[in-house]
Amino acid sequence: NAKMNGTSVNTGGTSPSIYSTSVGTTNNSATINWNTNENSSAIVYYGTSFPSMVEGSPTTGVTIGGSSMLAHSDLRSSHSATLNSLSSNTMYYYVLYVRDAEGNESISWPATFRTN
């Protein structure tokens, strides 16, 4: 299980909004693109089964099951991640996790894509 580190203290700010998500696939890879309304770092969690998620406490981050890929650690509003070494003709679930400079977090609803 992947662990999201860092503080989950709400500094009174708003969490980033995730929008304009699109996925392009080949037989063994998928490229996910999305935008946020404020600069954020991003992680993609993915797998062939529905992701398990455990809500964090004030001192721990949320825990999401499955494989994960750090899309980027720098803060930006346009995001892209390419997942490689996937199985062909397979449905994958994915969740986007973003975090702004103040530590406000957002997690997308689980979505799916199918490789070719």
PDB file of N, CA and C in Angstrom:
ATOM      1  N   ASN A   1       0.832  -1.182   0.000  1.00  0.00           N
ATOM      2  CA  ASN A   1       0.000   0.000   0.000  1.00  0.00           C
ATOM      3  C   ASN A   1       0.872   1.239   0.000  1.00  0.00           C
ATOM      4  N   ALA A   2       0.484   2.191  -0.798  1.00  0.00           N
ATOM      5  CA  ALA A   2       1.228   3.439  -0.863  1.00  0.00           C
ATOM      6  C   ALA A   2       0.766   4.354   0.256  1.00  0.00           C
ATOM      7  N   LYS A   3       1.696   5.041   0.822  1.00  0.00           N
ATOM      8  CA  LYS A   3       1.398   5.944   1.932  1.00  0.00           C
ATOM      9  C   LYS A   3       1.685   7.368   1.479  1.00  0.00           C
ATOM     10  N   MET A   4       0.725   8.239   1.676  1.00  0.00           N
ATOM     11  CA  MET A   4       0.958   9.636   1.352  1.00  0.00           C
ATOM     12  C   MET A   4       1.492  10.317   2.591  1.00  0.00           C
ATOM     13  N   ASN A   5       2.697  10.804   2.491  1.00  0.00           N
ATOM     14  CA  ASN A   5       3.321  11.446   3.635  1.00  0.00           C
ATOM     15  C   ASN A   5       3.021  12.935   3.639  1.00  0.00           C
ATOM     16  N   GLY A   6       3.439  13.583   4.652  1.00  0.00           N
ATOM     17  CA  GLY A   6       3.232  15.015   4.755  1.00  0.00           C
ATOM     18  C   GLY A   6       2.080  15.313   5.686  1.00  0.00           C
ATOM     19  N   THR A   7       1.945  16.558   5.982  1.00  0.00           N
ATOM     20  CA  THR A   7       0.899  16.948   6.910  1.00  0.00           C
ATOM     21  C   THR A   7      -0.427  17.021   6.193  1.00  0.00           C
ATOM     22  N   SER A   8      -1.467  16.682   6.885  1.00  0.00           N
ATOM     23  CA  SER A   8      -2.803  16.857   6.341  1.00  0.00           C
ATOM     24  C   SER A   8      -3.534  17.910   7.166  1.00  0.00           C
ATOM     25  N   VAL A   9      -2.759  18.858   7.676  1.00  0.00           N
ATOM     26  CA  VAL A   9      -3.340  19.948   8.458  1.00  0.00           C
ATOM     27  C   VAL A   9      -4.013  20.911   7.493  1.00  0.00           C
ATOM     28  N   ASN A  10      -5.247  21.251   7.765  1.00  0.00           N
ATOM     29  CA  ASN A  10      -5.948  22.200   6.918  1.00  0.00           C
ATOM     30  C   ASN A  10      -5.552  23.600   7.350  1.00  0.00           C
ATOM     31  N   THR A  11      -4.928  24.324   6.432  1.00  0.00           N
ATOM     32  CA  THR A  11      -4.455  25.662   6.759  1.00  0.00           C
ATOM     33  C   THR A  11      -5.529  26.710   6.490  1.00  0.00           C
ATOM     34  N   GLY A  12      -6.740  26.271   6.218  1.00  0.00           N
ATOM     35  CA  GLY A  12      -7.806  27.207   5.944  1.00  0.00           C
ATOM     36  C   GLY A  12      -7.956  27.506   4.472  1.00  0.00           C
ATOM     37  N   GLY A  13      -7.036  27.004   3.669  1.00  0.00           N
ATOM     38  CA  GLY A  13      -7.122  27.212   2.230  1.00  0.00           C
ATOM     39  C   GLY A  13      -8.063  26.215   1.601  1.00  0.00           C
ATOM     40  N   THR A  14      -8.186  26.294   0.289  1.00  0.00           N
ATOM     41  CA  THR A  14      -9.049  25.363  -0.425  1.00  0.00           C
ATOM     42  C   THR A  14      -8.205  24.313  -1.126  1.00  0.00           C
ATOM     43  N   SER A  15      -8.768  23.138  -1.269  1.00  0.00           N
ATOM     44  CA  SER A  15      -8.078  22.063  -1.961  1.00  0.00           C
ATOM     45  C   SER A  15      -8.111  22.305  -3.465  1.00  0.00           C
ATOM     46  N   PRO A  16      -7.091  21.843  -4.175  1.00  0.00           N
ATOM     47  CA  PRO A  16      -7.075  22.026  -5.625  1.00  0.00           C
ATOM     48  C   PRO A  16      -8.224  21.268  -6.293  1.00  0.00           C
ATOM     49  N   SER A  17      -8.792  21.847  -7.339  1.00  0.00           N
ATOM     50  CA  SER A  17      -9.811  21.150  -8.129  1.00  0.00           C
ATOM     51  C   SER A  17      -9.141  20.454  -9.299  1.00  0.00           C
ATOM     52  N   ILE A  18      -9.580  19.211  -9.560  1.00  0.00           N
ATOM     53  CA  ILE A  18      -9.053  18.419 -10.669  1.00  0.00           C
ATOM     54  C   ILE A  18     -10.082  18.464 -11.796  1.00  0.00           C
ATOM     55  N   TYR A  19      -9.642  18.797 -13.014  1.00  0.00           N
ATOM     56  CA  TYR A  19     -10.580  18.856 -14.134  1.00  0.00           C
ATOM     57  C   TYR A  19      -9.876  18.548 -15.451  1.00  0.00           C
ATOM     58  N   SER A  20     -10.663  18.403 -16.505  1.00  0.00           N
ATOM     59  CA  SER A  20     -10.161  18.140 -17.868  1.00  0.00           C
ATOM     60  C   SER A  20      -9.252  16.918 -17.917  1.00  0.00           C
ATOM     61  N   THR A  21      -9.710  15.820 -17.324  1.00  0.00           N
ATOM     62  CA  THR A  21      -8.921  14.593 -17.333  1.00  0.00           C
ATOM     63  C   THR A  21      -9.131  13.850 -18.644  1.00  0.00           C
ATOM     64  N   SER A  22      -8.046  13.395 -19.248  1.00  0.00           N
ATOM     65  CA  SER A  22      -8.132  12.579 -20.464  1.00  0.00           C
ATOM     66  C   SER A  22      -7.075  11.487 -20.389  1.00  0.00           C
ATOM     67  N   VAL A  23      -7.353  10.365 -21.050  1.00  0.00           N
ATOM     68  CA  VAL A  23      -6.432   9.228 -21.040  1.00  0.00           C
ATOM     69  C   VAL A  23      -6.234   8.742 -22.469  1.00  0.00           C
ATOM     70  N   GLY A  24      -4.986   8.564 -22.851  1.00  0.00           N
ATOM     71  CA  GLY A  24      -4.645   7.932 -24.126  1.00  0.00           C
ATOM     72  C   GLY A  24      -3.949   6.624 -23.845  1.00  0.00           C
ATOM     73  N   THR A  25      -4.311   5.563 -24.586  1.00  0.00           N
ATOM     74  CA  THR A  25      -3.746   4.246 -24.291  1.00  0.00           C
ATOM     75  C   THR A  25      -3.085   3.625 -25.520  1.00  0.00           C
ATOM     76  N   THR A  26      -2.112   2.757 -25.258  1.00  0.00           N
ATOM     77  CA  THR A  26      -1.559   1.840 -26.250  1.00  0.00           C
ATOM     78  C   THR A  26      -1.795   0.441 -25.684  1.00  0.00           C
ATOM     79  N   ASN A  27      -1.150  -0.567 -26.266  1.00  0.00           N
ATOM     80  CA  ASN A  27      -1.365  -1.922 -25.731  1.00  0.00           C
ATOM     81  C   ASN A  27      -0.666  -2.144 -24.397  1.00  0.00           C
ATOM     82  N   ASN A  28       0.357  -1.334 -24.064  1.00  0.00           N
ATOM     83  CA  ASN A  28       1.052  -1.564 -22.798  1.00  0.00           C
ATOM     84  C   ASN A  28       1.367  -0.293 -22.033  1.00  0.00           C
ATOM     85  N   SER A  29       0.691   0.810 -22.364  1.00  0.00           N
ATOM     86  CA  SER A  29       0.908   2.043 -21.608  1.00  0.00           C
ATOM     87  C   SER A  29      -0.351   2.905 -21.639  1.00  0.00           C
ATOM     88  N   ALA A  30      -0.382   3.871 -20.737  1.00  0.00           N
ATOM     89  CA  ALA A  30      -1.471   4.845 -20.705  1.00  0.00           C
ATOM     90  C   ALA A  30      -0.881   6.184 -20.289  1.00  0.00           C
ATOM     91  N   THR A  31      -1.306   7.239 -20.965  1.00  0.00           N
ATOM     92  CA  THR A  31      -0.897   8.586 -20.599  1.00  0.00           C
ATOM     93  C   THR A  31      -2.130   9.332 -20.107  1.00  0.00           C
ATOM     94  N   ILE A  32      -2.059   9.808 -18.874  1.00  0.00           N
ATOM     95  CA  ILE A  32      -3.170  10.527 -18.248  1.00  0.00           C
ATOM     96  C   ILE A  32      -2.789  11.996 -18.167  1.00  0.00           C
ATOM     97  N   ASN A  33      -3.667  12.853 -18.652  1.00  0.00           N
ATOM     98  CA  ASN A  33      -3.466  14.300 -18.586  1.00  0.00           C
ATOM     99  C   ASN A  33      -4.607  14.907 -17.797  1.00  0.00           C
ATOM    100  N   TRP A  34      -4.298  15.926 -16.981  1.00  0.00           N
ATOM    101  CA  TRP A  34      -5.343  16.633 -16.244  1.00  0.00           C
ATOM    102  C   TRP A  34      -4.831  17.996 -15.824  1.00  0.00           C
ATOM    103  N   ASN A  35      -5.752  18.824 -15.377  1.00  0.00           N
ATOM    104  CA  ASN A  35      -5.412  20.165 -14.920  1.00  0.00           C
ATOM    105  C   ASN A  35      -5.918  20.362 -13.502  1.00  0.00           C
ATOM    106  N   THR A  36      -5.287  21.295 -12.809  1.00  0.00           N
ATOM    107  CA  THR A  36      -5.783  21.727 -11.502  1.00  0.00           C
ATOM    108  C   THR A  36      -5.896  23.254 -11.524  1.00  0.00           C
ATOM    109  N   ASN A  37      -6.776  23.770 -10.691  1.00  0.00           N
ATOM    110  CA  ASN A  37      -7.011  25.207 -10.666  1.00  0.00           C
ATOM    111  C   ASN A  37      -5.966  25.972  -9.872  1.00  0.00           C
ATOM    112  N   GLU A  38      -5.036  25.259  -9.268  1.00  0.00           N
ATOM    113  CA  GLU A  38      -3.901  25.894  -8.607  1.00  0.00           C
ATOM    114  C   GLU A  38      -2.716  24.958  -8.722  1.00  0.00           C
ATOM    115  N   ASN A  39      -1.516  25.502  -8.571  1.00  0.00           N
ATOM    116  CA  ASN A  39      -0.314  24.701  -8.721  1.00  0.00           C
ATOM    117  C   ASN A  39      -0.251  23.624  -7.642  1.00  0.00           C
ATOM    118  N   SER A  40       0.023  22.387  -8.074  1.00  0.00           N
ATOM    119  CA  SER A  40       0.017  21.233  -7.175  1.00  0.00           C
ATOM    120  C   SER A  40       1.059  20.216  -7.625  1.00  0.00           C
ATOM    121  N   SER A  41       1.495  19.400  -6.667  1.00  0.00           N
ATOM    122  CA  SER A  41       2.250  18.199  -7.006  1.00  0.00           C
ATOM    123  C   SER A  41       1.227  17.091  -7.265  1.00  0.00           C
ATOM    124  N   ALA A  42       1.673  15.970  -7.855  1.00  0.00           N
ATOM    125  CA  ALA A  42       0.695  14.960  -8.245  1.00  0.00           C
ATOM    126  C   ALA A  42       1.262  13.552  -8.186  1.00  0.00           C
ATOM    127  N   ILE A  43       0.390  12.626  -7.784  1.00  0.00           N
ATOM    128  CA  ILE A  43       0.699  11.196  -7.778  1.00  0.00           C
ATOM    129  C   ILE A  43      -0.478  10.473  -8.424  1.00  0.00           C
ATOM    130  N   VAL A  44      -0.188   9.458  -9.240  1.00  0.00           N
ATOM    131  CA  VAL A  44      -1.226   8.607  -9.823  1.00  0.00           C
ATOM    132  C   VAL A  44      -1.159   7.253  -9.126  1.00  0.00           C
ATOM    133  N   TYR A  45      -2.306   6.785  -8.648  1.00  0.00           N
ATOM    134  CA  TYR A  45      -2.425   5.436  -8.090  1.00  0.00           C
ATOM    135  C   TYR A  45      -3.230   4.622  -9.078  1.00  0.00           C
ATOM    136  N   TYR A  46      -2.790   3.385  -9.354  1.00  0.00           N
ATOM    137  CA  TYR A  46      -3.482   2.600 -10.374  1.00  0.00           C
ATOM    138  C   TYR A  46      -3.340   1.109 -10.091  1.00  0.00           C
ATOM    139  N   GLY A  47      -4.226   0.339 -10.699  1.00  0.00           N
ATOM    140  CA  GLY A  47      -4.178  -1.110 -10.535  1.00  0.00           C
ATOM    141  C   GLY A  47      -5.347  -1.740 -11.241  1.00  0.00           C
ATOM    142  N   THR A  48      -5.357  -3.062 -11.278  1.00  0.00           N
ATOM    143  CA  THR A  48      -6.419  -3.784 -11.980  1.00  0.00           C
ATOM    144  C   THR A  48      -7.610  -4.062 -11.092  1.00  0.00           C
ATOM    145  N   SER A  49      -7.519  -3.741  -9.817  1.00  0.00           N
ATOM    146  CA  SER A  49      -8.677  -3.887  -8.939  1.00  0.00           C
ATOM    147  C   SER A  49      -9.050  -2.518  -8.379  1.00  0.00           C
ATOM    148  N   PHE A  50     -10.289  -2.409  -7.921  1.00  0.00           N
ATOM    149  CA  PHE A  50     -10.776  -1.130  -7.388  1.00  0.00           C
ATOM    150  C   PHE A  50      -9.891  -0.710  -6.226  1.00  0.00           C
ATOM    151  N   PRO A  51      -9.427   0.536  -6.222  1.00  0.00           N
ATOM    152  CA  PRO A  51      -8.474   0.949  -5.177  1.00  0.00           C
ATOM    153  C   PRO A  51      -9.114   1.028  -3.798  1.00  0.00           C
ATOM    154  N   SER A  52      -8.375   0.555  -2.804  1.00  0.00           N
ATOM    155  CA  SER A  52      -8.822   0.716  -1.423  1.00  0.00           C
ATOM    156  C   SER A  52      -8.269   2.032  -0.908  1.00  0.00           C
ATOM    157  N   MET A  53      -9.085   2.761  -0.180  1.00  0.00           N
ATOM    158  CA  MET A  53      -8.644   4.035   0.366  1.00  0.00           C
ATOM    159  C   MET A  53      -9.022   4.106   1.837  1.00  0.00           C
ATOM    160  N   VAL A  54      -8.066   4.531   2.654  1.00  0.00           N
ATOM    161  CA  VAL A  54      -8.309   4.704   4.078  1.00  0.00           C
ATOM    162  C   VAL A  54      -8.055   6.161   4.400  1.00  0.00           C
ATOM    163  N   GLU A  55      -9.057   6.803   4.979  1.00  0.00           N
ATOM    164  CA  GLU A  55      -8.945   8.222   5.295  1.00  0.00           C
ATOM    165  C   GLU A  55      -7.884   8.450   6.355  1.00  0.00           C
ATOM    166  N   GLY A  56      -7.170   9.542   6.223  1.00  0.00           N
ATOM    167  CA  GLY A  56      -6.133   9.876   7.175  1.00  0.00           C
ATOM    168  C   GLY A  56      -6.709  10.543   8.416  1.00  0.00           C
ATOM    169  N   SER A  57      -5.862  10.720   9.396  1.00  0.00           N
ATOM    170  CA  SER A  57      -6.213  11.445  10.621  1.00  0.00           C
ATOM    171  C   SER A  57      -5.472  12.783  10.579  1.00  0.00           C
ATOM    172  N   PRO A  58      -5.631  13.620  11.580  1.00  0.00           N
ATOM    173  CA  PRO A  58      -4.875  14.890  11.571  1.00  0.00           C
ATOM    174  C   PRO A  58      -3.362  14.714  11.532  1.00  0.00           C
ATOM    175  N   THR A  59      -2.860  13.528  11.892  1.00  0.00           N
ATOM    176  CA  THR A  59      -1.412  13.335  11.906  1.00  0.00           C
ATOM    177  C   THR A  59      -0.907  12.374  10.834  1.00  0.00           C
ATOM    178  N   THR A  60      -1.809  11.764  10.074  1.00  0.00           N
ATOM    179  CA  THR A  60      -1.377  10.842   9.022  1.00  0.00           C
ATOM    180  C   THR A  60      -2.096  11.170   7.728  1.00  0.00           C
ATOM    181  N   GLY A  61      -1.450  10.862   6.617  1.00  0.00           N
ATOM    182  CA  GLY A  61      -2.069  11.074   5.315  1.00  0.00           C
ATOM    183  C   GLY A  61      -3.008   9.936   4.976  1.00  0.00           C
ATOM    184  N   VAL A  62      -3.743  10.120   3.902  1.00  0.00           N
ATOM    185  CA  VAL A  62      -4.623   9.068   3.411  1.00  0.00           C
ATOM    186  C   VAL A  62      -3.768   7.929   2.852  1.00  0.00           C
ATOM    187  N   THR A  63      -4.271   6.705   2.930  1.00  0.00           N
ATOM    188  CA  THR A  63      -3.569   5.547   2.379  1.00  0.00           C
ATOM    189  C   THR A  63      -4.386   4.997   1.212  1.00  0.00           C
ATOM    190  N   ILE A  64      -3.742   4.797   0.078  1.00  0.00           N
ATOM    191  CA  ILE A  64      -4.412   4.275  -1.114  1.00  0.00           C
ATOM    192  C   ILE A  64      -3.669   3.027  -1.548  1.00  0.00           C
ATOM    193  N   GLY A  65      -4.431   1.956  -1.826  1.00  0.00           N
ATOM    194  CA  GLY A  65      -3.820   0.708  -2.259  1.00  0.00           C
ATOM    195  C   GLY A  65      -3.478   0.729  -3.737  1.00  0.00           C
ATOM    196  N   GLY A  66      -2.675  -0.216  -4.163  1.00  0.00           N
ATOM    197  CA  GLY A  66      -2.312  -0.338  -5.565  1.00  0.00           C
ATOM    198  C   GLY A  66      -0.926   0.199  -5.840  1.00  0.00           C
ATOM    199  N   SER A  67      -0.580   0.228  -7.115  1.00  0.00           N
ATOM    200  CA  SER A  67       0.701   0.785  -7.526  1.00  0.00           C
ATOM    201  C   SER A  67       0.589   2.304  -7.559  1.00  0.00           C
ATOM    202  N   SER A  68       1.708   2.979  -7.444  1.00  0.00           N
ATOM    203  CA  SER A  68       1.676   4.431  -7.519  1.00  0.00           C
ATOM    204  C   SER A  68       2.826   4.926  -8.361  1.00  0.00           C
ATOM    205  N   MET A  69       2.638   6.100  -8.923  1.00  0.00           N
ATOM    206  CA  MET A  69       3.681   6.741  -9.704  1.00  0.00           C
ATOM    207  C   MET A  69       3.667   8.226  -9.390  1.00  0.00           C
ATOM    208  N   LEU A  70       4.813   8.745  -8.987  1.00  0.00           N
ATOM    209  CA  LEU A  70       4.926  10.172  -8.761  1.00  0.00           C
ATOM    210  C   LEU A  70       4.925  10.854 -10.123  1.00  0.00           C
ATOM    211  N   ALA A  71       3.885  11.612 -10.420  1.00  0.00           N
ATOM    212  CA  ALA A  71       3.832  12.315 -11.701  1.00  0.00           C
ATOM    213  C   ALA A  71       4.867  13.432 -11.702  1.00  0.00           C
ATOM    214  N   HIS A  72       4.897  14.225 -10.631  1.00  0.00           N
ATOM    215  CA  HIS A  72       5.903  15.266 -10.452  1.00  0.00           C
ATOM    216  C   HIS A  72       5.770  15.831  -9.048  1.00  0.00           C
ATOM    217  N   SER A  73       6.893  16.270  -8.506  1.00  0.00           N
ATOM    218  CA  SER A  73       6.890  16.834  -7.159  1.00  0.00           C
ATOM    219  C   SER A  73       6.874  18.355  -7.180  1.00  0.00           C
ATOM    220  N   ASP A  74       7.179  18.959  -8.333  1.00  0.00           N
ATOM    221  CA  ASP A  74       7.120  20.420  -8.402  1.00  0.00           C
ATOM    222  C   ASP A  74       5.663  20.851  -8.554  1.00  0.00           C
ATOM    223  N   LEU A  75       5.403  22.105  -8.273  1.00  0.00           N
ATOM    224  CA  LEU A  75       4.028  22.609  -8.288  1.00  0.00           C
ATOM    225  C   LEU A  75       3.701  23.158  -9.671  1.00  0.00           C
ATOM    226  N   ARG A  76       2.623  22.639 -10.266  1.00  0.00           N
ATOM    227  CA  ARG A  76       2.175  23.105 -11.573  1.00  0.00           C
ATOM    228  C   ARG A  76       0.680  22.868 -11.707  1.00  0.00           C
ATOM    229  N   SER A  77       0.072  23.468 -12.724  1.00  0.00           N
ATOM    230  CA  SER A  77      -1.372  23.338 -12.913  1.00  0.00           C
ATOM    231  C   SER A  77      -1.734  22.429 -14.089  1.00  0.00           C
ATOM    232  N   SER A  78      -0.765  22.079 -14.918  1.00  0.00           N
ATOM    233  CA  SER A  78      -0.992  21.153 -16.033  1.00  0.00           C
ATOM    234  C   SER A  78      -0.203  19.886 -15.741  1.00  0.00           C
ATOM    235  N   HIS A  79      -0.883  18.743 -15.738  1.00  0.00           N
ATOM    236  CA  HIS A  79      -0.275  17.508 -15.254  1.00  0.00           C
ATOM    237  C   HIS A  79      -0.341  16.417 -16.322  1.00  0.00           C
ATOM    238  N   SER A  80       0.671  15.559 -16.343  1.00  0.00           N
ATOM    239  CA  SER A  80       0.692  14.423 -17.252  1.00  0.00           C
ATOM    240  C   SER A  80       1.509  13.304 -16.619  1.00  0.00           C
ATOM    241  N   ALA A  81       1.029  12.075 -16.781  1.00  0.00           N
ATOM    242  CA  ALA A  81       1.760  10.919 -16.265  1.00  0.00           C
ATOM    243  C   ALA A  81       1.597   9.773 -17.253  1.00  0.00           C
ATOM    244  N   THR A  82       2.686   9.093 -17.573  1.00  0.00           N
ATOM    245  CA  THR A  82       2.633   7.927 -18.453  1.00  0.00           C
ATOM    246  C   THR A  82       2.938   6.683 -17.639  1.00  0.00           C
ATOM    247  N   LEU A  83       1.998   5.745 -17.645  1.00  0.00           N
ATOM    248  CA  LEU A  83       2.150   4.463 -16.948  1.00  0.00           C
ATOM    249  C   LEU A  83       2.606   3.443 -17.981  1.00  0.00           C
ATOM    250  N   ASN A  84       3.743   2.825 -17.737  1.00  0.00           N
ATOM    251  CA  ASN A  84       4.304   1.855 -18.675  1.00  0.00           C
ATOM    252  C   ASN A  84       4.220   0.440 -18.118  1.00  0.00           C
ATOM    253  N   SER A  85       4.569  -0.529 -18.949  1.00  0.00           N
ATOM    254  CA  SER A  85       4.608  -1.949 -18.575  1.00  0.00           C
ATOM    255  C   SER A  85       3.248  -2.455 -18.106  1.00  0.00           C
ATOM    256  N   LEU A  86       2.177  -1.964 -18.735  1.00  0.00           N
ATOM    257  CA  LEU A  86       0.834  -2.449 -18.415  1.00  0.00           C
ATOM    258  C   LEU A  86       0.513  -3.667 -19.266  1.00  0.00           C
ATOM    259  N   SER A  87      -0.489  -4.430 -18.851  1.00  0.00           N
ATOM    260  CA  SER A  87      -0.941  -5.587 -19.624  1.00  0.00           C
ATOM    261  C   SER A  87      -1.879  -5.118 -20.724  1.00  0.00           C
ATOM    262  N   SER A  88      -1.818  -5.778 -21.878  1.00  0.00           N
ATOM    263  CA  SER A  88      -2.679  -5.371 -22.987  1.00  0.00           C
ATOM    264  C   SER A  88      -4.116  -5.830 -22.761  1.00  0.00           C
ATOM    265  N   ASN A  89      -5.052  -5.117 -23.362  1.00  0.00           N
ATOM    266  CA  ASN A  89      -6.489  -5.417 -23.304  1.00  0.00           C
ATOM    267  C   ASN A  89      -6.943  -5.677 -21.866  1.00  0.00           C
ATOM    268  N   THR A  90      -6.559  -4.772 -20.978  1.00  0.00           N
ATOM    269  CA  THR A  90      -6.853  -4.921 -19.555  1.00  0.00           C
ATOM    270  C   THR A  90      -7.443  -3.621 -19.026  1.00  0.00           C
ATOM    271  N   MET A  91      -8.455  -3.748 -18.160  1.00  0.00           N
ATOM    272  CA  MET A  91      -9.033  -2.567 -17.542  1.00  0.00           C
ATOM    273  C   MET A  91      -8.259  -2.227 -16.278  1.00  0.00           C
ATOM    274  N   TYR A  92      -7.900  -0.956 -16.152  1.00  0.00           N
ATOM    275  CA  TYR A  92      -7.204  -0.445 -14.971  1.00  0.00           C
ATOM    276  C   TYR A  92      -8.050   0.636 -14.314  1.00  0.00           C
ATOM    277  N   TYR A  93      -7.990   0.678 -12.993  1.00  0.00           N
ATOM    278  CA  TYR A  93      -8.576   1.767 -12.214  1.00  0.00           C
ATOM    279  C   TYR A  93      -7.456   2.751 -11.897  1.00  0.00           C
ATOM    280  N   TYR A  94      -7.805   4.016 -11.812  1.00  0.00           N
ATOM    281  CA  TYR A  94      -6.801   4.979 -11.391  1.00  0.00           C
ATOM    282  C   TYR A  94      -7.435   6.087 -10.557  1.00  0.00           C
ATOM    283  N   VAL A  95      -6.605   6.668  -9.696  1.00  0.00           N
ATOM    284  CA  VAL A  95      -6.995   7.776  -8.834  1.00  0.00           C
ATOM    285  C   VAL A  95      -5.889   8.819  -8.936  1.00  0.00           C
ATOM    286  N   LEU A  96      -6.276  10.076  -9.078  1.00  0.00           N
ATOM    287  CA  LEU A  96      -5.317  11.171  -9.115  1.00  0.00           C
ATOM    288  C   LEU A  96      -5.276  11.835  -7.742  1.00  0.00           C
ATOM    289  N   TYR A  97      -4.081  12.034  -7.236  1.00  0.00           N
ATOM    290  CA  TYR A  97      -3.879  12.694  -5.943  1.00  0.00           C
ATOM    291  C   TYR A  97      -3.060  13.958  -6.196  1.00  0.00           C
ATOM    292  N   VAL A  98      -3.567  15.100  -5.749  1.00  0.00           N
ATOM    293  CA  VAL A  98      -2.828  16.355  -5.903  1.00  0.00           C
ATOM    294  C   VAL A  98      -2.747  17.061  -4.556  1.00  0.00           C
ATOM    295  N   ARG A  99      -1.679  17.843  -4.398  1.00  0.00           N
ATOM    296  CA  ARG A  99      -1.435  18.543  -3.131  1.00  0.00           C
ATOM    297  C   ARG A  99      -0.820  19.894  -3.443  1.00  0.00           C
ATOM    298  N   ASP A 100      -1.406  20.942  -2.896  1.00  0.00           N
ATOM    299  CA  ASP A 100      -0.893  22.283  -3.167  1.00  0.00           C
ATOM    300  C   ASP A 100       0.201  22.664  -2.171  1.00  0.00           C
ATOM    301  N   ALA A 101       0.742  23.864  -2.330  1.00  0.00           N
ATOM    302  CA  ALA A 101       1.873  24.308  -1.512  1.00  0.00           C
ATOM    303  C   ALA A 101       1.516  24.398  -0.036  1.00  0.00           C
ATOM    304  N   GLU A 102       0.241  24.614   0.287  1.00  0.00           N
ATOM    305  CA  GLU A 102      -0.177  24.715   1.684  1.00  0.00           C
ATOM    306  C   GLU A 102      -0.509  23.362   2.297  1.00  0.00           C
ATOM    307  N   GLY A 103      -0.413  22.292   1.514  1.00  0.00           N
ATOM    308  CA  GLY A 103      -0.727  20.964   2.024  1.00  0.00           C
ATOM    309  C   GLY A 103      -2.172  20.562   1.860  1.00  0.00           C
ATOM    310  N   ASN A 104      -2.985  21.370   1.168  1.00  0.00           N
ATOM    311  CA  ASN A 104      -4.367  20.975   0.898  1.00  0.00           C
ATOM    312  C   ASN A 104      -4.359  19.913  -0.185  1.00  0.00           C
ATOM    313  N   GLU A 105      -5.137  18.848   0.025  1.00  0.00           N
ATOM    314  CA  GLU A 105      -5.108  17.681  -0.853  1.00  0.00           C
ATOM    315  C   GLU A 105      -6.445  17.473  -1.538  1.00  0.00           C
ATOM    316  N   SER A 106      -6.391  16.910  -2.744  1.00  0.00           N
ATOM    317  CA  SER A 106      -7.599  16.447  -3.426  1.00  0.00           C
ATOM    318  C   SER A 106      -7.311  15.098  -4.053  1.00  0.00           C
ATOM    319  N   ILE A 107      -8.335  14.260  -4.076  1.00  0.00           N
ATOM    320  CA  ILE A 107      -8.235  12.944  -4.695  1.00  0.00           C
ATOM    321  C   ILE A 107      -9.417  12.807  -5.641  1.00  0.00           C
ATOM    322  N   SER A 108      -9.136  12.391  -6.884  1.00  0.00           N
ATOM    323  CA  SER A 108     -10.214  12.242  -7.855  1.00  0.00           C
ATOM    324  C   SER A 108     -11.043  11.004  -7.536  1.00  0.00           C
ATOM    325  N   TRP A 109     -12.268  10.969  -8.071  1.00  0.00           N
ATOM    326  CA  TRP A 109     -13.053   9.745  -7.997  1.00  0.00           C
ATOM    327  C   TRP A 109     -12.317   8.670  -8.779  1.00  0.00           C
ATOM    328  N   PRO A 110     -12.359   7.418  -8.348  1.00  0.00           N
ATOM    329  CA  PRO A 110     -11.733   6.360  -9.149  1.00  0.00           C
ATOM    330  C   PRO A 110     -12.350   6.301 -10.548  1.00  0.00           C
ATOM    331  N   ALA A 111     -11.503   6.177 -11.545  1.00  0.00           N
ATOM    332  CA  ALA A 111     -11.944   6.094 -12.937  1.00  0.00           C
ATOM    333  C   ALA A 111     -11.212   4.918 -13.582  1.00  0.00           C
ATOM    334  N   THR A 112     -11.574   4.597 -14.811  1.00  0.00           N
ATOM    335  CA  THR A 112     -10.978   3.451 -15.475  1.00  0.00           C
ATOM    336  C   THR A 112     -10.484   3.809 -16.872  1.00  0.00           C
ATOM    337  N   PHE A 113      -9.562   2.993 -17.358  1.00  0.00           N
ATOM    338  CA  PHE A 113      -9.198   2.999 -18.768  1.00  0.00           C
ATOM    339  C   PHE A 113      -8.888   1.554 -19.148  1.00  0.00           C
ATOM    340  N   ARG A 114      -8.924   1.260 -20.445  1.00  0.00           N
ATOM    341  CA  ARG A 114      -8.584  -0.078 -20.943  1.00  0.00           C
ATOM    342  C   ARG A 114      -7.461   0.054 -21.950  1.00  0.00           C
ATOM    343  N   THR A 115      -6.424  -0.757 -21.741  1.00  0.00           N
ATOM    344  CA  THR A 115      -5.328  -0.773 -22.707  1.00  0.00           C
ATOM    345  C   THR A 115      -5.788  -1.466 -23.979  1.00  0.00           C
ATOM    346  N   ASN A 116      -5.061  -1.226 -25.069  1.00  0.00           N
ATOM    347  CA  ASN A 116      -5.445  -1.773 -26.381  1.00  0.00           C
ATOM    348  C   ASN A 116      -5.069  -3.243 -26.506  1.00  0.00           C
TER     349      ASN A 116
END
